C-alpha atoms as a PDB file:
ATOM      1  CA  UNK A   1     114.616 123.883 143.154  1.00  0.00           C
ATOM      2  CA  UNK A   2     116.266 126.340 145.517  1.00  0.00           C
ATOM      3  CA  UNK A   3     114.654 129.589 146.657  1.00  0.00           C
ATOM      4  CA  UNK A   4     116.618 131.747 144.207  1.00  0.00           C
ATOM      5  CA  UNK A   5     115.612 129.594 141.227  1.00  0.00           C
ATOM      6  CA  UNK A   6     111.985 129.615 142.285  1.00  0.00           C
ATOM      7  CA  UNK A   7     111.991 133.381 142.773  1.00  0.00           C
ATOM      8  CA  UNK A   8     113.463 133.872 139.293  1.00  0.00           C
ATOM      9  CA  UNK A   9     110.938 131.500 137.773  1.00  0.00           C
ATOM     10  CA  UNK A  10     107.977 133.253 139.391  1.00  0.00           C
ATOM     11  CA  UNK A  11     109.361 136.686 138.516  1.00  0.00           C
ATOM     12  CA  UNK A  12     109.443 135.786 134.822  1.00  0.00           C
ATOM     13  CA  UNK A  13     105.845 134.572 134.913  1.00  0.00           C
ATOM     14  CA  UNK A  14     104.746 137.712 136.724  1.00  0.00           C
ATOM     15  CA  UNK A  15     106.480 139.914 134.163  1.00  0.00           C
ATOM     16  CA  UNK A  16     104.849 138.019 131.308  1.00  0.00           C
ATOM     17  CA  UNK A  17     101.406 138.409 132.867  1.00  0.00           C
ATOM     18  CA  UNK A  18     102.018 142.090 133.566  1.00  0.00           C
ATOM     19  CA  UNK A  19     103.127 142.647 129.974  1.00  0.00           C
ATOM     20  CA  UNK A  20      99.866 141.224 128.615  1.00  0.00           C
ATOM     21  CA  UNK A  21      97.844 143.427 130.964  1.00  0.00           C
ATOM     22  CA  UNK A  22      99.934 146.475 130.029  1.00  0.00           C
ATOM     23  CA  UNK A  23      99.295 145.936 126.325  1.00  0.00           C
ATOM     24  CA  UNK A  24      95.587 145.251 126.896  1.00  0.00           C
ATOM     25  CA  UNK A  25      95.207 148.554 128.729  1.00  0.00           C
ATOM     26  CA  UNK A  26      96.897 150.500 125.918  1.00  0.00           C
ATOM     27  CA  UNK A  27      95.095 149.094 122.888  1.00  0.00           C
ATOM     28  CA  UNK A  28      92.417 151.509 121.759  1.00  0.00           C
ATOM     29  CA  UNK A  29      88.898 150.319 121.032  1.00  0.00           C
ATOM     30  CA  UNK A  30      88.724 152.013 117.628  1.00  0.00           C
ATOM     31  CA  UNK A  31      92.011 150.457 116.532  1.00  0.00           C
ATOM     32  CA  UNK A  32      90.936 147.016 117.688  1.00  0.00           C
ATOM     33  CA  UNK A  33      87.578 147.366 115.972  1.00  0.00           C
ATOM     34  CA  UNK A  34      89.272 148.266 112.689  1.00  0.00           C
ATOM     35  CA  UNK A  35      91.647 145.280 112.957  1.00  0.00           C
ATOM     36  CA  UNK A  36      88.768 142.934 113.727  1.00  0.00           C
ATOM     37  CA  UNK A  37      86.774 144.252 110.775  1.00  0.00           C
ATOM     38  CA  UNK A  38      89.702 143.801 108.379  1.00  0.00           C
ATOM     39  CA  UNK A  39      90.186 140.195 109.503  1.00  0.00           C
ATOM     40  CA  UNK A  40      86.483 139.382 109.444  1.00  0.00           C
ATOM     41  CA  UNK A  41      85.963 140.937 106.015  1.00  0.00           C
ATOM     42  CA  UNK A  42      89.044 139.370 104.417  1.00  0.00           C
ATOM     43  CA  UNK A  43      87.917 137.316 101.404  1.00  0.00           C
ATOM     44  CA  UNK A  44      91.281 135.587 101.079  1.00  0.00           C
ATOM     45  CA  UNK A  45      93.646 134.413 103.795  1.00  0.00           C
ATOM     46  CA  UNK A  46      95.261 136.084 106.754  1.00  0.00           C
ATOM     47  CA  UNK A  47      98.972 135.896 105.936  1.00  0.00           C
ATOM     48  CA  UNK A  48     101.240 136.134 108.971  1.00  0.00           C
ATOM     49  CA  UNK A  49     104.763 137.422 108.507  1.00  0.00           C
ATOM     50  CA  UNK A  50     107.671 137.580 110.951  1.00  0.00           C
ATOM     51  CA  UNK A  51     111.357 136.834 111.413  1.00  0.00           C
ATOM     52  CA  UNK A  52     113.102 135.026 114.261  1.00  0.00           C
ATOM     53  CA  UNK A  53     111.074 134.720 117.463  1.00  0.00           C
ATOM     54  CA  UNK A  54     108.275 136.797 115.956  1.00  0.00           C
ATOM     55  CA  UNK A  55     108.236 134.336 113.089  1.00  0.00           C
ATOM     56  CA  UNK A  56     107.581 131.545 115.585  1.00  0.00           C
ATOM     57  CA  UNK A  57     104.724 133.579 117.037  1.00  0.00           C
ATOM     58  CA  UNK A  58     103.361 134.164 113.520  1.00  0.00           C
ATOM     59  CA  UNK A  59     103.367 130.432 112.784  1.00  0.00           C
ATOM     60  CA  UNK A  60     101.447 129.687 115.944  1.00  0.00           C
ATOM     61  CA  UNK A  61      98.985 132.537 115.333  1.00  0.00           C
ATOM     62  CA  UNK A  62      98.288 131.331 111.793  1.00  0.00           C
ATOM     63  CA  UNK A  63      97.543 127.870 113.163  1.00  0.00           C
ATOM     64  CA  UNK A  64      95.153 129.274 115.760  1.00  0.00           C
ATOM     65  CA  UNK A  65      93.332 131.426 113.219  1.00  0.00           C
ATOM     66  CA  UNK A  66      92.934 128.485 110.830  1.00  0.00           C
ATOM     67  CA  UNK A  67      91.720 126.107 113.540  1.00  0.00           C
ATOM     68  CA  UNK A  68      89.087 128.643 114.620  1.00  0.00           C
ATOM     69  CA  UNK A  69      87.631 129.102 111.149  1.00  0.00           C
ATOM     70  CA  UNK A  70      89.664 131.970 109.681  1.00  0.00           C
ATOM     71  CA  UNK A  71      91.771 130.783 106.717  1.00  0.00           C
ATOM     72  CA  UNK A  72      95.378 131.683 107.511  1.00  0.00           C
ATOM     73  CA  UNK A  73      98.967 130.806 106.674  1.00  0.00           C
ATOM     74  CA  UNK A  74     102.493 131.824 107.617  1.00  0.00           C
ATOM     75  CA  UNK A  75     104.992 133.067 105.049  1.00  0.00           C
ATOM     76  CA  UNK A  76     108.681 133.223 105.918  1.00  0.00           C
ATOM     77  CA  UNK A  77     109.780 136.726 104.802  1.00  0.00           C
ATOM     78  CA  UNK A  78     113.219 135.844 103.397  1.00  0.00           C
ATOM     79  CA  UNK A  79     111.717 132.951 101.428  1.00  0.00           C
ATOM     80  CA  UNK A  80     108.963 135.263 100.209  1.00  0.00           C
ATOM     81  CA  UNK A  81     111.601 137.598  98.760  1.00  0.00           C
ATOM     82  CA  UNK A  82     112.972 134.682  96.756  1.00  0.00           C
ATOM     83  CA  UNK A  83     109.773 133.476  95.113  1.00  0.00           C
ATOM     84  CA  UNK A  84     107.264 132.662  97.842  1.00  0.00           C
ATOM     85  CA  UNK A  85     105.521 135.998  97.335  1.00  0.00           C
ATOM     86  CA  UNK A  86     103.405 134.019  94.879  1.00  0.00           C
ATOM     87  CA  UNK A  87     101.610 132.622  97.945  1.00  0.00           C
ATOM     88  CA  UNK A  88     100.112 136.047  98.619  1.00  0.00           C
ATOM     89  CA  UNK A  89      97.221 137.386  96.533  1.00  0.00           C
ATOM     90  CA  UNK A  90      95.463 140.733  96.370  1.00  0.00           C
ATOM     91  CA  UNK A  91      92.560 139.221  98.310  1.00  0.00           C
ATOM     92  CA  UNK A  92      94.720 138.401 101.332  1.00  0.00           C
ATOM     93  CA  UNK A  93      95.386 140.405 104.480  1.00  0.00           C
ATOM     94  CA  UNK A  94      98.971 140.772 105.716  1.00  0.00           C
ATOM     95  CA  UNK A  95      99.537 140.551 109.462  1.00  0.00           C
ATOM     96  CA  UNK A  96     103.136 141.697 109.906  1.00  0.00           C
ATOM     97  CA  UNK A  97     104.929 141.045 113.195  1.00  0.00           C
ATOM     98  CA  UNK A  98     108.020 143.095 114.067  1.00  0.00           C
ATOM     99  CA  UNK A  99     108.573 144.529 117.535  1.00  0.00           C
ATOM    100  CA  UNK A 100     111.093 147.081 116.317  1.00  0.00           C
ATOM    101  CA  UNK A 101     109.128 147.794 113.162  1.00  0.00           C
ATOM    102  CA  UNK A 102     112.420 147.906 111.279  1.00  0.00           C
ATOM    103  CA  UNK A 103     112.927 144.244 110.336  1.00  0.00           C
ATOM    104  CA  UNK A 104     114.229 144.543 106.782  1.00  0.00           C
ATOM    105  CA  UNK A 105     112.696 141.373 105.331  1.00  0.00           C
ATOM    106  CA  UNK A 106     109.265 142.132 106.798  1.00  0.00           C
ATOM    107  CA  UNK A 107     109.379 145.700 105.494  1.00  0.00           C
ATOM    108  CA  UNK A 108     110.376 144.617 101.987  1.00  0.00           C
ATOM    109  CA  UNK A 109     107.520 142.114 101.747  1.00  0.00           C
ATOM    110  CA  UNK A 110     105.002 144.682 103.014  1.00  0.00           C
ATOM    111  CA  UNK A 111     106.319 147.305 100.580  1.00  0.00           C
ATOM    112  CA  UNK A 112     106.053 144.835  97.704  1.00  0.00           C
ATOM    113  CA  UNK A 113     102.475 143.698  98.288  1.00  0.00           C
ATOM    114  CA  UNK A 114     100.949 147.060  99.206  1.00  0.00           C
ATOM    115  CA  UNK A 115     100.666 148.128  95.536  1.00  0.00           C
ATOM    116  CA  UNK A 116      98.695 144.933  94.860  1.00  0.00           C
ATOM    117  CA  UNK A 117      95.924 146.215  97.122  1.00  0.00           C
ATOM    118  CA  UNK A 118      96.907 144.013 100.085  1.00  0.00           C
ATOM    119  CA  UNK A 119      96.013 145.652 103.394  1.00  0.00           C
ATOM    120  CA  UNK A 120      98.382 145.417 106.343  1.00  0.00           C
ATOM    121  CA  UNK A 121      97.939 145.077 110.091  1.00  0.00           C
ATOM    122  CA  UNK A 122     101.186 145.787 111.953  1.00  0.00           C
ATOM    123  CA  UNK A 123     101.975 144.215 115.315  1.00  0.00           C
ATOM    124  CA  UNK A 124     104.774 146.423 116.579  1.00  0.00           C
ATOM    125  CA  UNK A 125     105.972 148.462 119.543  1.00  0.00           C
ATOM    126  CA  UNK A 126     105.154 152.001 118.379  1.00  0.00           C
ATOM    127  CA  UNK A 127     103.076 153.796 115.793  1.00  0.00           C
ATOM    128  CA  UNK A 128     105.967 155.800 114.333  1.00  0.00           C
ATOM    129  CA  UNK A 129     108.365 153.155 112.989  1.00  0.00           C
ATOM    130  CA  UNK A 130     108.750 152.094 109.357  1.00  0.00           C
ATOM    131  CA  UNK A 131     106.337 149.159 109.524  1.00  0.00           C
ATOM    132  CA  UNK A 132     103.667 151.230 111.243  1.00  0.00           C
ATOM    133  CA  UNK A 133     103.862 153.837 108.502  1.00  0.00           C
ATOM    134  CA  UNK A 134     103.155 151.144 105.896  1.00  0.00           C
ATOM    135  CA  UNK A 135     100.178 149.682 107.744  1.00  0.00           C
ATOM    136  CA  UNK A 136      96.440 150.287 107.564  1.00  0.00           C
ATOM    137  CA  UNK A 137      96.115 149.415 111.255  1.00  0.00           C
ATOM    138  CA  UNK A 138      98.797 149.468 113.935  1.00  0.00           C
ATOM    139  CA  UNK A 139      98.386 147.303 117.036  1.00  0.00           C
ATOM    140  CA  UNK A 140     100.937 148.558 119.555  1.00  0.00           C
ATOM    141  CA  UNK A 141     102.287 145.665 121.598  1.00  0.00           C
ATOM    142  CA  UNK A 142     104.824 147.770 123.450  1.00  0.00           C
ATOM    143  CA  UNK A 143     105.944 146.264 126.763  1.00  0.00           C
ATOM    144  CA  UNK A 144     107.824 148.103 129.537  1.00  0.00           C
ATOM    145  CA  UNK A 145     110.648 145.552 129.563  1.00  0.00           C
ATOM    146  CA  UNK A 146     111.557 142.010 128.641  1.00  0.00           C
ATOM    147  CA  UNK A 147     111.803 139.300 131.287  1.00  0.00           C
ATOM    148  CA  UNK A 148     115.565 139.637 131.838  1.00  0.00           C
ATOM    149  CA  UNK A 149     116.805 143.007 133.051  1.00  0.00           C
ATOM    150  CA  UNK A 150     119.302 144.585 130.683  1.00  0.00           C
ATOM    151  CA  UNK A 151     118.719 141.982 127.974  1.00  0.00           C
ATOM    152  CA  UNK A 152     116.506 142.411 124.947  1.00  0.00           C
ATOM    153  CA  UNK A 153     115.767 138.701 124.586  1.00  0.00           C
ATOM    154  CA  UNK A 154     112.208 138.485 123.175  1.00  0.00           C
ATOM    155  CA  UNK A 155     110.103 137.177 126.046  1.00  0.00           C
ATOM    156  CA  UNK A 156     107.437 139.572 127.278  1.00  0.00           C
ATOM    157  CA  UNK A 157     107.074 141.146 123.835  1.00  0.00           C
ATOM    158  CA  UNK A 158     106.502 137.810 122.083  1.00  0.00           C
ATOM    159  CA  UNK A 159     104.128 136.628 124.797  1.00  0.00           C
ATOM    160  CA  UNK A 160     102.056 139.811 124.517  1.00  0.00           C
ATOM    161  CA  UNK A 161     101.979 139.578 120.717  1.00  0.00           C
ATOM    162  CA  UNK A 162     100.811 135.977 120.859  1.00  0.00           C
ATOM    163  CA  UNK A 163      98.093 136.872 123.375  1.00  0.00           C
ATOM    164  CA  UNK A 164      96.821 139.668 121.128  1.00  0.00           C
ATOM    165  CA  UNK A 165      96.732 137.305 118.131  1.00  0.00           C
ATOM    166  CA  UNK A 166      94.843 134.668 120.122  1.00  0.00           C
ATOM    167  CA  UNK A 167      92.318 137.242 121.327  1.00  0.00           C
ATOM    168  CA  UNK A 168      91.709 138.454 117.767  1.00  0.00           C
ATOM    169  CA  UNK A 169      91.214 134.875 116.570  1.00  0.00           C
ATOM    170  CA  UNK A 170      88.577 134.236 119.232  1.00  0.00           C
ATOM    171  CA  UNK A 171      86.694 137.484 118.550  1.00  0.00           C
ATOM    172  CA  UNK A 172      86.548 136.796 114.812  1.00  0.00           C
ATOM    173  CA  UNK A 173      85.517 133.189 115.489  1.00  0.00           C
ATOM    174  CA  UNK A 174      82.516 134.497 117.418  1.00  0.00           C
ATOM    175  CA  UNK A 175      81.643 137.071 114.766  1.00  0.00           C
ATOM    176  CA  UNK A 176      81.634 134.301 112.167  1.00  0.00           C
ATOM    177  CA  UNK A 177      79.437 132.103 114.399  1.00  0.00           C
ATOM    178  CA  UNK A 178      82.033 129.340 114.241  1.00  0.00           C
ATOM    179  CA  UNK A 179      80.577 126.531 116.358  1.00  0.00           C
ATOM    180  CA  UNK A 180      81.912 123.567 118.311  1.00  0.00           C
ATOM    181  CA  UNK A 181      80.716 121.342 115.455  1.00  0.00           C
ATOM    182  CA  UNK A 182      82.696 123.455 112.979  1.00  0.00           C
ATOM    183  CA  UNK A 183      85.748 123.137 115.219  1.00  0.00           C
ATOM    184  CA  UNK A 184      85.281 119.369 115.431  1.00  0.00           C
ATOM    185  CA  UNK A 185      85.229 119.051 111.640  1.00  0.00           C
ATOM    186  CA  UNK A 186      88.657 120.662 111.517  1.00  0.00           C
ATOM    187  CA  UNK A 187      90.082 118.420 114.258  1.00  0.00           C
ATOM    188  CA  UNK A 188      89.267 114.803 113.342  1.00  0.00           C
ATOM    189  CA  UNK A 189      92.471 113.303 114.724  1.00  0.00           C
ATOM    190  CA  UNK A 190      94.039 112.632 118.114  1.00  0.00           C
ATOM    191  CA  UNK A 191      92.595 113.001 121.593  1.00  0.00           C
ATOM    192  CA  UNK A 192      91.173 116.435 120.788  1.00  0.00           C
ATOM    193  CA  UNK A 193      89.341 114.929 117.832  1.00  0.00           C
ATOM    194  CA  UNK A 194      87.811 112.257 120.046  1.00  0.00           C
ATOM    195  CA  UNK A 195      86.707 114.844 122.593  1.00  0.00           C
ATOM    196  CA  UNK A 196      84.970 116.868 119.897  1.00  0.00           C
ATOM    197  CA  UNK A 197      83.526 113.925 117.992  1.00  0.00           C
ATOM    198  CA  UNK A 198      82.037 111.652 120.678  1.00  0.00           C
ATOM    199  CA  UNK A 199      78.555 112.608 121.860  1.00  0.00           C
ATOM    200  CA  UNK A 200      76.788 111.530 125.024  1.00  0.00           C
ATOM    201  CA  UNK A 201      74.453 109.378 122.929  1.00  0.00           C
ATOM    202  CA  UNK A 202      77.480 107.384 121.708  1.00  0.00           C
ATOM    203  CA  UNK A 203      78.462 106.218 125.202  1.00  0.00           C
ATOM    204  CA  UNK A 204      75.278 106.316 127.284  1.00  0.00           C
ATOM    205  CA  UNK A 205      73.295 103.372 128.601  1.00  0.00           C
ATOM    206  CA  UNK A 206      69.722 103.189 127.315  1.00  0.00           C
ATOM    207  CA  UNK A 207      66.692 100.929 127.073  1.00  0.00           C
ATOM    208  CA  UNK A 208      66.675  97.856 129.299  1.00  0.00           C
ATOM    209  CA  UNK A 209      70.118  98.738 130.700  1.00  0.00           C
ATOM    210  CA  UNK A 210      68.767 101.830 132.463  1.00  0.00           C
ATOM    211  CA  UNK A 211      68.175 101.699 136.228  1.00  0.00           C
ATOM    212  CA  UNK A 212      64.820 103.437 136.719  1.00  0.00           C
ATOM    213  CA  UNK A 213      62.238 103.211 139.476  1.00  0.00           C
ATOM    214  CA  UNK A 214      59.008 105.108 140.125  1.00  0.00           C
ATOM    215  CA  UNK A 215      58.540 107.742 142.791  1.00  0.00           C
ATOM    216  CA  UNK A 216      56.381 105.375 144.860  1.00  0.00           C
ATOM    217  CA  UNK A 217      59.182 102.770 145.102  1.00  0.00           C
ATOM    218  CA  UNK A 218      60.959 101.874 148.335  1.00  0.00           C
ATOM    219  CA  UNK A 219      64.634 101.738 149.154  1.00  0.00           C
ATOM    220  CA  UNK A 220      64.371  97.945 148.878  1.00  0.00           C
ATOM    221  CA  UNK A 221      63.146  98.344 145.278  1.00  0.00           C
ATOM    222  CA  UNK A 222      65.985 100.737 144.554  1.00  0.00           C
ATOM    223  CA  UNK A 223      68.641  98.324 145.811  1.00  0.00           C
ATOM    224  CA  UNK A 224      67.228  95.506 143.669  1.00  0.00           C
ATOM    225  CA  UNK A 225      67.156  97.744 140.568  1.00  0.00           C
ATOM    226  CA  UNK A 226      70.669  99.073 141.172  1.00  0.00           C
ATOM    227  CA  UNK A 227      72.039  95.580 141.721  1.00  0.00           C
ATOM    228  CA  UNK A 228      70.536  94.308 138.469  1.00  0.00           C
ATOM    229  CA  UNK A 229      71.862  97.217 136.378  1.00  0.00           C
ATOM    230  CA  UNK A 230      75.301  97.629 138.053  1.00  0.00           C
ATOM    231  CA  UNK A 231      75.703 101.375 137.502  1.00  0.00           C
ATOM    232  CA  UNK A 232      75.873 102.364 141.150  1.00  0.00           C
ATOM    233  CA  UNK A 233      72.752 104.511 140.980  1.00  0.00           C
ATOM    234  CA  UNK A 234      69.144 104.570 139.906  1.00  0.00           C
ATOM    235  CA  UNK A 235      67.035 107.340 138.453  1.00  0.00           C
ATOM    236  CA  UNK A 236      63.630 108.097 139.884  1.00  0.00           C
ATOM    237  CA  UNK A 237      60.931 108.873 137.319  1.00  0.00           C
ATOM    238  CA  UNK A 238      57.346 110.050 137.468  1.00  0.00           C
ATOM    239  CA  UNK A 239      54.441 108.344 135.709  1.00  0.00           C
ATOM    240  CA  UNK A 240      55.347 109.814 132.291  1.00  0.00           C
ATOM    241  CA  UNK A 241      59.055 109.048 132.431  1.00  0.00           C
ATOM    242  CA  UNK A 242      60.352 112.449 133.474  1.00  0.00           C
ATOM    243  CA  UNK A 243      63.304 112.623 135.854  1.00  0.00           C
ATOM    244  CA  UNK A 244      62.423 113.440 139.446  1.00  0.00           C
ATOM    245  CA  UNK A 245      65.600 112.475 141.241  1.00  0.00           C
ATOM    246  CA  UNK A 246      68.678 110.269 141.581  1.00  0.00           C
ATOM    247  CA  UNK A 247      69.659 107.745 144.223  1.00  0.00           C
ATOM    248  CA  UNK A 248      73.256 106.533 144.458  1.00  0.00           C
ATOM    249  CA  UNK A 249      75.239 103.944 146.406  1.00  0.00           C
ATOM    250  CA  UNK A 250      76.474 106.775 148.603  1.00  0.00           C
ATOM    251  CA  UNK A 251      72.929 107.867 149.381  1.00  0.00           C
ATOM    252  CA  UNK A 252      72.084 104.323 150.466  1.00  0.00           C
ATOM    253  CA  UNK A 253      75.128 104.050 152.749  1.00  0.00           C
ATOM    254  CA  UNK A 254      74.303 107.347 154.415  1.00  0.00           C
ATOM    255  CA  UNK A 255      70.658 106.307 154.835  1.00  0.00           C
ATOM    256  CA  UNK A 256      71.644 103.036 156.518  1.00  0.00           C
ATOM    257  CA  UNK A 257      73.900 104.949 158.910  1.00  0.00           C
ATOM    258  CA  UNK A 258      71.041 107.255 159.929  1.00  0.00           C
ATOM    259  CA  UNK A 259      68.095 104.821 160.073  1.00  0.00           C
ATOM    260  CA  UNK A 260      67.711 101.429 161.698  1.00  0.00           C
ATOM    261  CA  UNK A 261      65.112  99.948 159.298  1.00  0.00           C
ATOM    262  CA  UNK A 262      65.225 102.015 156.102  1.00  0.00           C
ATOM    263  CA  UNK A 263      64.360  99.398 153.464  1.00  0.00           C
ATOM    264  CA  UNK A 264      60.671 100.311 153.359  1.00  0.00           C
ATOM    265  CA  UNK A 265      61.288 104.052 153.209  1.00  0.00           C
ATOM    266  CA  UNK A 266      60.115 105.876 150.092  1.00  0.00           C
ATOM    267  CA  UNK A 267      62.848 106.817 147.638  1.00  0.00           C
ATOM    268  CA  UNK A 268      61.299 110.279 147.404  1.00  0.00           C
ATOM    269  CA  UNK A 269      62.528 110.861 150.953  1.00  0.00           C
ATOM    270  CA  UNK A 270      66.072 109.757 150.129  1.00  0.00           C
ATOM    271  CA  UNK A 271      66.805 110.802 146.541  1.00  0.00           C
ATOM    272  CA  UNK A 272      68.647 113.872 145.329  1.00  0.00           C
ATOM    273  CA  UNK A 273      65.950 115.938 143.593  1.00  0.00           C
ATOM    274  CA  UNK A 274      66.809 117.775 140.371  1.00  0.00           C
ATOM    275  CA  UNK A 275      70.232 116.173 139.939  1.00  0.00           C
ATOM    276  CA  UNK A 276      72.779 117.400 137.401  1.00  0.00           C
ATOM    277  CA  UNK A 277      72.053 116.033 133.930  1.00  0.00           C
ATOM    278  CA  UNK A 278      73.327 116.134 130.371  1.00  0.00           C
ATOM    279  CA  UNK A 279      71.707 116.045 126.926  1.00  0.00           C
ATOM    280  CA  UNK A 280      72.107 113.163 124.450  1.00  0.00           C
ATOM    281  CA  UNK A 281      73.511 115.431 121.728  1.00  0.00           C
ATOM    282  CA  UNK A 282      76.024 117.096 124.075  1.00  0.00           C
ATOM    283  CA  UNK A 283      79.734 116.378 123.974  1.00  0.00           C
ATOM    284  CA  UNK A 284      80.778 113.408 126.075  1.00  0.00           C
ATOM    285  CA  UNK A 285      83.864 115.378 127.114  1.00  0.00           C
ATOM    286  CA  UNK A 286      81.605 118.099 128.535  1.00  0.00           C
ATOM    287  CA  UNK A 287      79.705 115.485 130.549  1.00  0.00           C
ATOM    288  CA  UNK A 288      83.010 114.184 131.878  1.00  0.00           C
ATOM    289  CA  UNK A 289      84.016 117.701 132.907  1.00  0.00           C
ATOM    290  CA  UNK A 290      80.787 118.041 134.910  1.00  0.00           C
ATOM    291  CA  UNK A 291      81.439 114.721 136.641  1.00  0.00           C
ATOM    292  CA  UNK A 292      84.971 115.741 137.554  1.00  0.00           C
ATOM    293  CA  UNK A 293      83.903 119.187 138.764  1.00  0.00           C
ATOM    294  CA  UNK A 294      81.139 117.867 141.025  1.00  0.00           C
ATOM    295  CA  UNK A 295      82.772 114.520 141.897  1.00  0.00           C
ATOM    296  CA  UNK A 296      79.940 112.322 140.657  1.00  0.00           C
ATOM    297  CA  UNK A 297      80.239 109.059 138.744  1.00  0.00           C
ATOM    298  CA  UNK A 298      76.944 109.075 136.834  1.00  0.00           C
ATOM    299  CA  UNK A 299      74.798 111.602 135.014  1.00  0.00           C
ATOM    300  CA  UNK A 300      71.201 111.059 133.909  1.00  0.00           C
ATOM    301  CA  UNK A 301      70.700 111.866 130.232  1.00  0.00           C
ATOM    302  CA  UNK A 302      67.492 113.736 129.518  1.00  0.00           C
ATOM    303  CA  UNK A 303      65.761 115.113 126.465  1.00  0.00           C
ATOM    304  CA  UNK A 304      63.871 118.010 127.972  1.00  0.00           C
ATOM    305  CA  UNK A 305      62.863 116.335 131.215  1.00  0.00           C
ATOM    306  CA  UNK A 306      62.352 112.877 129.686  1.00  0.00           C
ATOM    307  CA  UNK A 307      64.859 110.208 130.726  1.00  0.00           C
ATOM    308  CA  UNK A 308      66.683 108.762 127.703  1.00  0.00           C
ATOM    309  CA  UNK A 309      69.885 107.390 129.189  1.00  0.00           C
ATOM    310  CA  UNK A 310      72.672 107.452 131.745  1.00  0.00           C
ATOM    311  CA  UNK A 311      76.426 107.933 131.391  1.00  0.00           C
ATOM    312  CA  UNK A 312      79.046 106.500 133.731  1.00  0.00           C
ATOM    313  CA  UNK A 313      82.439 107.998 134.475  1.00  0.00           C
ATOM    314  CA  UNK A 314      84.326 104.772 133.768  1.00  0.00           C
ATOM    315  CA  UNK A 315      82.906 104.468 130.259  1.00  0.00           C
ATOM    316  CA  UNK A 316      83.986 108.026 129.431  1.00  0.00           C
ATOM    317  CA  UNK A 317      87.484 107.262 130.652  1.00  0.00           C
ATOM    318  CA  UNK A 318      87.563 104.073 128.582  1.00  0.00           C
ATOM    319  CA  UNK A 319      86.567 106.160 125.560  1.00  0.00           C
ATOM    320  CA  UNK A 320      89.903 107.971 126.148  1.00  0.00           C
ATOM    321  CA  UNK A 321      88.262 111.270 126.892  1.00  0.00           C
ATOM    322  CA  UNK A 322      90.189 111.785 130.115  1.00  0.00           C
END
């Protein structure tokens, strides 16, 4: 990539980011609150509507809403005018996307369903166009310019509209107390499904496979325990089985470099106290993220402070979580 191409590429990204910030700064709190309430209180489905590029944004937004616990669908406006209006009921909420606010097919659908009692949220550039005048709530997604000077190719405007839709979906998800478990039930397939389905308890080592020594053990004891369990670390527990620390292969190598005769040293002198841990009912993918962030290969699994297991990085990778 030459310098001109790179400069153009970065300029487009900067304009897209600036457009989102511009829209965020202009959206009023009262308007947003009303839109959020309409979505949250909808007893039917959120029906997204849009033509062309805005239609593509509407399809994606409907998918995001549905995956985050808000029933939603996309209706193609021209198809709706030829029979697909039957997909919309009086219990639904219409989310109409048109930057100009003058898209004929979108207007005709909105005009048709309004008498049924269907409320409308308009995603458009101004509050004084035809679509805005039909709507109960107008979310102005006006942007200063598109990404290409002198061209009206939908770029910044579609990006900003999509960002607003995503933000609304997340807010309503939180208001509805939609949990990770709820999300997992809606995503049983693929790598995302695995990440949301597999718990730490499904992949952890437990019972006789756990490397555990007491606080009064020596480094010699630790090496023997680690060798027999082959996890590259051992947990240090107190007399009632609560985690006190962790000793790893790396700790042993560093100890040997610093001390001439370390084998009879107490592990309490050498261990990492209060190491990072995970819970047995936590997501295995979350445990993997902690390992990657802090560059560790094992995590003790505790229930409260009680040791119940250990997870190893390699096993999480083999579970196709990475």
